[in-house]
């Protein structure tokens, strides 16, 4: 996946998360959980895009 696409996805996800945090009223604890979930999903997606997820699963399974 080209780097431009990765950056575009990151920008879109960031703007959507900002919009949700700014304009949708919800408790602070729910916002924190939502932010954490989005960050974890984005990090896992980035690991997968750059091919590092295969290395991590290979290490965990036992080479």
PDB file of N, CA and C in Angstrom:
ATOM      1  N   UNK A   1       0.852  -1.173   0.000  1.00  0.00           N
ATOM      2  CA  UNK A   1       0.000   0.000   0.000  1.00  0.00           C
ATOM      3  C   UNK A   1       0.898   1.236   0.000  1.00  0.00           C
ATOM      4  N   UNK A   2       0.673   2.139  -0.920  1.00  0.00           N
ATOM      5  CA  UNK A   2       1.510   3.349  -0.980  1.00  0.00           C
ATOM      6  C   UNK A   2       1.385   4.197   0.287  1.00  0.00           C
ATOM      7  N   UNK A   3       2.453   4.888   0.575  1.00  0.00           N
ATOM      8  CA  UNK A   3       2.509   5.694   1.789  1.00  0.00           C
ATOM      9  C   UNK A   3       1.454   6.797   1.791  1.00  0.00           C
ATOM     10  N   UNK A   4       1.113   7.295   0.621  1.00  0.00           N
ATOM     11  CA  UNK A   4       0.089   8.344   0.521  1.00  0.00           C
ATOM     12  C   UNK A   4      -1.256   7.810   1.003  1.00  0.00           C
ATOM     13  N   UNK A   5      -1.581   6.563   0.669  1.00  0.00           N
ATOM     14  CA  UNK A   5      -2.836   5.971   1.115  1.00  0.00           C
ATOM     15  C   UNK A   5      -2.849   5.808   2.630  1.00  0.00           C
ATOM     16  N   UNK A   6      -1.734   5.380   3.186  1.00  0.00           N
ATOM     17  CA  UNK A   6      -1.636   5.215   4.633  1.00  0.00           C
ATOM     18  C   UNK A   6      -1.851   6.556   5.323  1.00  0.00           C
ATOM     19  N   UNK A   7      -1.189   7.598   4.820  1.00  0.00           N
ATOM     20  CA  UNK A   7      -1.358   8.922   5.410  1.00  0.00           C
ATOM     21  C   UNK A   7      -2.790   9.418   5.268  1.00  0.00           C
ATOM     22  N   UNK A   8      -3.403   9.159   4.127  1.00  0.00           N
ATOM     23  CA  UNK A   8      -4.785   9.570   3.907  1.00  0.00           C
ATOM     24  C   UNK A   8      -5.727   8.879   4.893  1.00  0.00           C
ATOM     25  N   UNK A   9      -5.537   7.590   5.098  1.00  0.00           N
ATOM     26  CA  UNK A   9      -6.367   6.857   6.061  1.00  0.00           C
ATOM     27  C   UNK A   9      -6.165   7.400   7.463  1.00  0.00           C
ATOM     28  N   UNK A  10      -4.919   7.665   7.847  1.00  0.00           N
ATOM     29  CA  UNK A  10      -4.654   8.202   9.175  1.00  0.00           C
ATOM     30  C   UNK A  10      -5.308   9.567   9.376  1.00  0.00           C
ATOM     31  N   UNK A  11      -5.271  10.403   8.347  1.00  0.00           N
ATOM     32  CA  UNK A  11      -5.898  11.727   8.438  1.00  0.00           C
ATOM     33  C   UNK A  11      -7.412  11.587   8.566  1.00  0.00           C
ATOM     34  N   UNK A  12      -8.005  10.720   7.763  1.00  0.00           N
ATOM     35  CA  UNK A  12      -9.461  10.537   7.820  1.00  0.00           C
ATOM     36  C   UNK A  12      -9.883   9.992   9.181  1.00  0.00           C
ATOM     37  N   UNK A  13      -9.172   9.007   9.688  1.00  0.00           N
ATOM     38  CA  UNK A  13      -9.502   8.442  10.995  1.00  0.00           C
ATOM     39  C   UNK A  13      -9.343   9.506  12.085  1.00  0.00           C
ATOM     40  N   UNK A  14      -8.297  10.287  12.002  1.00  0.00           N
ATOM     41  CA  UNK A  14      -8.090  11.341  12.989  1.00  0.00           C
ATOM     42  C   UNK A  14      -9.180  12.392  12.957  1.00  0.00           C
ATOM     43  N   UNK A  15      -9.571  12.805  11.769  1.00  0.00           N
ATOM     44  CA  UNK A  15     -10.641  13.812  11.657  1.00  0.00           C
ATOM     45  C   UNK A  15     -11.963  13.240  12.153  1.00  0.00           C
ATOM     46  N   UNK A  16     -12.271  12.003  11.794  1.00  0.00           N
ATOM     47  CA  UNK A  16     -13.509  11.391  12.275  1.00  0.00           C
ATOM     48  C   UNK A  16     -13.526  11.265  13.797  1.00  0.00           C
ATOM     49  N   UNK A  17     -12.409  10.870  14.373  1.00  0.00           N
ATOM     50  CA  UNK A  17     -12.332  10.763  15.826  1.00  0.00           C
ATOM     51  C   UNK A  17     -12.469  12.129  16.477  1.00  0.00           C
ATOM     52  N   UNK A  18     -11.864  13.133  15.892  1.00  0.00           N
ATOM     53  CA  UNK A  18     -12.003  14.496  16.415  1.00  0.00           C
ATOM     54  C   UNK A  18     -13.455  14.966  16.342  1.00  0.00           C
ATOM     55  N   UNK A  19     -14.109  14.687  15.213  1.00  0.00           N
ATOM     56  CA  UNK A  19     -15.514  15.081  15.072  1.00  0.00           C
ATOM     57  C   UNK A  19     -16.395  14.400  16.117  1.00  0.00           C
ATOM     58  N   UNK A  20     -16.175  13.117  16.329  1.00  0.00           N
ATOM     59  CA  UNK A  20     -16.953  12.390  17.331  1.00  0.00           C
ATOM     60  C   UNK A  20     -16.691  12.957  18.720  1.00  0.00           C
ATOM     61  N   UNK A  21     -15.432  13.188  19.036  1.00  0.00           N
ATOM     62  CA  UNK A  21     -15.093  13.719  20.365  1.00  0.00           C
ATOM     63  C   UNK A  21     -15.624  15.127  20.579  1.00  0.00           C
ATOM     64  N   UNK A  22     -15.695  15.914  19.517  1.00  0.00           N
ATOM     65  CA  UNK A  22     -16.099  17.311  19.647  1.00  0.00           C
ATOM     66  C   UNK A  22     -17.613  17.487  19.628  1.00  0.00           C
ATOM     67  N   UNK A  23     -18.299  16.812  18.737  1.00  0.00           N
ATOM     68  CA  UNK A  23     -19.697  17.124  18.489  1.00  0.00           C
ATOM     69  C   UNK A  23     -20.702  16.120  19.038  1.00  0.00           C
ATOM     70  N   UNK A  24     -20.262  14.968  19.496  1.00  0.00           N
ATOM     71  CA  UNK A  24     -21.196  14.000  20.074  1.00  0.00           C
ATOM     72  C   UNK A  24     -21.006  13.998  21.590  1.00  0.00           C
ATOM     73  N   UNK A  25     -22.038  14.408  22.312  1.00  0.00           N
ATOM     74  CA  UNK A  25     -21.906  14.445  23.776  1.00  0.00           C
ATOM     75  C   UNK A  25     -21.913  13.025  24.365  1.00  0.00           C
ATOM     76  N   UNK A  26     -20.908  12.752  25.169  1.00  0.00           N
ATOM     77  CA  UNK A  26     -20.833  11.464  25.862  1.00  0.00           C
ATOM     78  C   UNK A  26     -19.933  11.630  27.075  1.00  0.00           C
ATOM     79  N   UNK A  27     -20.031  10.704  27.982  1.00  0.00           N
ATOM     80  CA  UNK A  27     -19.237  10.756  29.209  1.00  0.00           C
ATOM     81  C   UNK A  27     -17.747  10.662  28.881  1.00  0.00           C
ATOM     82  N   UNK A  28     -16.945  11.269  29.734  1.00  0.00           N
ATOM     83  CA  UNK A  28     -15.495  11.286  29.511  1.00  0.00           C
ATOM     84  C   UNK A  28     -14.908   9.879  29.501  1.00  0.00           C
ATOM     85  N   UNK A  29     -15.441   8.993  30.323  1.00  0.00           N
ATOM     86  CA  UNK A  29     -14.913   7.628  30.362  1.00  0.00           C
ATOM     87  C   UNK A  29     -15.186   6.896  29.040  1.00  0.00           C
ATOM     88  N   UNK A  30     -16.346   7.141  28.460  1.00  0.00           N
ATOM     89  CA  UNK A  30     -16.661   6.505  27.183  1.00  0.00           C
ATOM     90  C   UNK A  30     -15.765   7.063  26.083  1.00  0.00           C
ATOM     91  N   UNK A  31     -15.489   8.368  26.127  1.00  0.00           N
ATOM     92  CA  UNK A  31     -14.577   8.960  25.145  1.00  0.00           C
ATOM     93  C   UNK A  31     -13.186   8.351  25.256  1.00  0.00           C
ATOM     94  N   UNK A  32     -12.747   8.155  26.480  1.00  0.00           N
ATOM     95  CA  UNK A  32     -11.421   7.562  26.692  1.00  0.00           C
ATOM     96  C   UNK A  32     -11.358   6.146  26.131  1.00  0.00           C
ATOM     97  N   UNK A  33     -12.402   5.376  26.383  1.00  0.00           N
ATOM     98  CA  UNK A  33     -12.439   4.005  25.864  1.00  0.00           C
ATOM     99  C   UNK A  33     -12.476   4.022  24.342  1.00  0.00           C
ATOM    100  N   UNK A  34     -13.286   4.888  23.765  1.00  0.00           N
ATOM    101  CA  UNK A  34     -13.374   5.000  22.317  1.00  0.00           C
ATOM    102  C   UNK A  34     -12.027   5.380  21.710  1.00  0.00           C
ATOM    103  N   UNK A  35     -11.366   6.362  22.300  1.00  0.00           N
ATOM    104  CA  UNK A  35     -10.046   6.782  21.810  1.00  0.00           C
ATOM    105  C   UNK A  35      -9.038   5.643  21.898  1.00  0.00           C
ATOM    106  N   UNK A  36      -9.049   4.913  22.999  1.00  0.00           N
ATOM    107  CA  UNK A  36      -8.112   3.802  23.173  1.00  0.00           C
ATOM    108  C   UNK A  36      -8.359   2.709  22.134  1.00  0.00           C
ATOM    109  N   UNK A  37      -9.628   2.387  21.902  1.00  0.00           N
ATOM    110  CA  UNK A  37      -9.964   1.355  20.924  1.00  0.00           C
ATOM    111  C   UNK A  37      -9.517   1.772  19.525  1.00  0.00           C
ATOM    112  N   UNK A  38      -9.764   3.019  19.169  1.00  0.00           N
ATOM    113  CA  UNK A  38      -9.369   3.506  17.842  1.00  0.00           C
ATOM    114  C   UNK A  38      -7.854   3.470  17.693  1.00  0.00           C
ATOM    115  N   UNK A  39      -7.132   3.888  18.712  1.00  0.00           N
ATOM    116  CA  UNK A  39      -5.665   3.881  18.643  1.00  0.00           C
ATOM    117  C   UNK A  39      -5.145   2.449  18.506  1.00  0.00           C
ATOM    118  N   UNK A  40      -5.696   1.525  19.265  1.00  0.00           N
ATOM    119  CA  UNK A  40      -5.252   0.130  19.189  1.00  0.00           C
ATOM    120  C   UNK A  40      -5.529  -0.451  17.810  1.00  0.00           C
ATOM    121  N   UNK A  41      -6.725  -0.177  17.273  1.00  0.00           N
ATOM    122  CA  UNK A  41      -7.071  -0.690  15.938  1.00  0.00           C
ATOM    123  C   UNK A  41      -6.156  -0.096  14.871  1.00  0.00           C
ATOM    124  N   UNK A  42      -5.864   1.198  14.974  1.00  0.00           N
ATOM    125  CA  UNK A  42      -4.994   1.844  13.983  1.00  0.00           C
ATOM    126  C   UNK A  42      -3.571   1.292  14.073  1.00  0.00           C
ATOM    127  N   UNK A  43      -3.080   1.081  15.276  1.00  0.00           N
ATOM    128  CA  UNK A  43      -1.734   0.526  15.433  1.00  0.00           C
ATOM    129  C   UNK A  43      -1.665  -0.886  14.858  1.00  0.00           C
ATOM    130  N   UNK A  44      -2.676  -1.703  15.130  1.00  0.00           N
ATOM    131  CA  UNK A  44      -2.698  -3.058  14.571  1.00  0.00           C
ATOM    132  C   UNK A  44      -2.787  -3.023  13.046  1.00  0.00           C
ATOM    133  N   UNK A  45      -3.586  -2.096  12.518  1.00  0.00           N
ATOM    134  CA  UNK A  45      -3.698  -1.961  11.065  1.00  0.00           C
ATOM    135  C   UNK A  45      -2.357  -1.544  10.459  1.00  0.00           C
ATOM    136  N   UNK A  46      -1.676  -0.597  11.105  1.00  0.00           N
ATOM    137  CA  UNK A  46      -0.371  -0.167  10.600  1.00  0.00           C
ATOM    138  C   UNK A  46       0.651  -1.303  10.637  1.00  0.00           C
ATOM    139  N   UNK A  47       0.639  -2.076  11.707  1.00  0.00           N
ATOM    140  CA  UNK A  47       1.538  -3.233  11.776  1.00  0.00           C
ATOM    141  C   UNK A  47       1.254  -4.204  10.647  1.00  0.00           C
ATOM    142  N   UNK A  48      -0.022  -4.400  10.350  1.00  0.00           N
ATOM    143  CA  UNK A  48      -0.400  -5.301   9.270  1.00  0.00           C
ATOM    144  C   UNK A  48       0.010  -4.735   7.914  1.00  0.00           C
ATOM    145  N   UNK A  49      -0.194  -3.446   7.706  1.00  0.00           N
ATOM    146  CA  UNK A  49       0.134  -2.815   6.424  1.00  0.00           C
ATOM    147  C   UNK A  49       1.633  -2.910   6.146  1.00  0.00           C
ATOM    148  N   UNK A  50       2.443  -2.690   7.159  1.00  0.00           N
ATOM    149  CA  UNK A  50       3.889  -2.713   6.955  1.00  0.00           C
ATOM    150  C   UNK A  50       4.493  -4.103   7.108  1.00  0.00           C
ATOM    151  N   UNK A  51       3.658  -5.111   7.292  1.00  0.00           N
ATOM    152  CA  UNK A  51       4.134  -6.487   7.319  1.00  0.00           C
ATOM    153  C   UNK A  51       4.772  -6.917   8.618  1.00  0.00           C
ATOM    154  N   UNK A  52       4.592  -6.149   9.660  1.00  0.00           N
ATOM    155  CA  UNK A  52       5.190  -6.518  10.937  1.00  0.00           C
ATOM    156  C   UNK A  52       4.314  -7.469  11.742  1.00  0.00           C
ATOM    157  N   UNK A  53       3.045  -7.542  11.396  1.00  0.00           N
ATOM    158  CA  UNK A  53       2.137  -8.432  12.114  1.00  0.00           C
ATOM    159  C   UNK A  53       2.524  -9.885  11.897  1.00  0.00           C
ATOM    160  N   UNK A  54       2.952 -10.222  10.679  1.00  0.00           N
ATOM    161  CA  UNK A  54       3.368 -11.595  10.397  1.00  0.00           C
ATOM    162  C   UNK A  54       4.565 -11.985  11.256  1.00  0.00           C
ATOM    163  N   UNK A  55       5.503 -11.060  11.398  1.00  0.00           N
ATOM    164  CA  UNK A  55       6.684 -11.338  12.209  1.00  0.00           C
ATOM    165  C   UNK A  55       6.308 -11.542  13.668  1.00  0.00           C
ATOM    166  N   UNK A  56       5.381 -10.718  14.165  1.00  0.00           N
ATOM    167  CA  UNK A  56       4.977 -10.856  15.567  1.00  0.00           C
ATOM    168  C   UNK A  56       4.247 -12.163  15.807  1.00  0.00           C
ATOM    169  N   UNK A  57       3.365 -12.555  14.889  1.00  0.00           N
ATOM    170  CA  UNK A  57       2.647 -13.821  15.078  1.00  0.00           C
ATOM    171  C   UNK A  57       3.585 -15.006  14.926  1.00  0.00           C
ATOM    172  N   UNK A  58       4.568 -14.877  14.047  1.00  0.00           N
ATOM    173  CA  UNK A  58       5.546 -15.959  13.881  1.00  0.00           C
ATOM    174  C   UNK A  58       6.378 -16.132  15.152  1.00  0.00           C
ATOM    175  N   UNK A  59       6.745 -15.032  15.781  1.00  0.00           N
ATOM    176  CA  UNK A  59       7.517 -15.098  17.021  1.00  0.00           C
ATOM    177  C   UNK A  59       6.685 -15.713  18.136  1.00  0.00           C
ATOM    178  N   UNK A  60       5.396 -15.369  18.165  1.00  0.00           N
ATOM    179  CA  UNK A  60       4.533 -15.862  19.217  1.00  0.00           C
ATOM    180  C   UNK A  60       4.242 -17.354  19.057  1.00  0.00           C
ATOM    181  N   UNK A  61       4.055 -17.788  17.828  1.00  0.00           N
ATOM    182  CA  UNK A  61       3.731 -19.190  17.574  1.00  0.00           C
ATOM    183  C   UNK A  61       4.938 -20.080  17.831  1.00  0.00           C
ATOM    184  N   UNK A  62       6.107 -19.571  17.551  1.00  0.00           N
ATOM    185  CA  UNK A  62       7.296 -20.383  17.807  1.00  0.00           C
ATOM    186  C   UNK A  62       8.144 -20.567  16.572  1.00  0.00           C
ATOM    187  N   UNK A  63       8.324 -19.542  15.801  1.00  0.00           N
ATOM    188  CA  UNK A  63       9.195 -19.537  14.632  1.00  0.00           C
ATOM    189  C   UNK A  63       8.688 -20.526  13.644  1.00  0.00           C
TER     190      UNK A  63
END
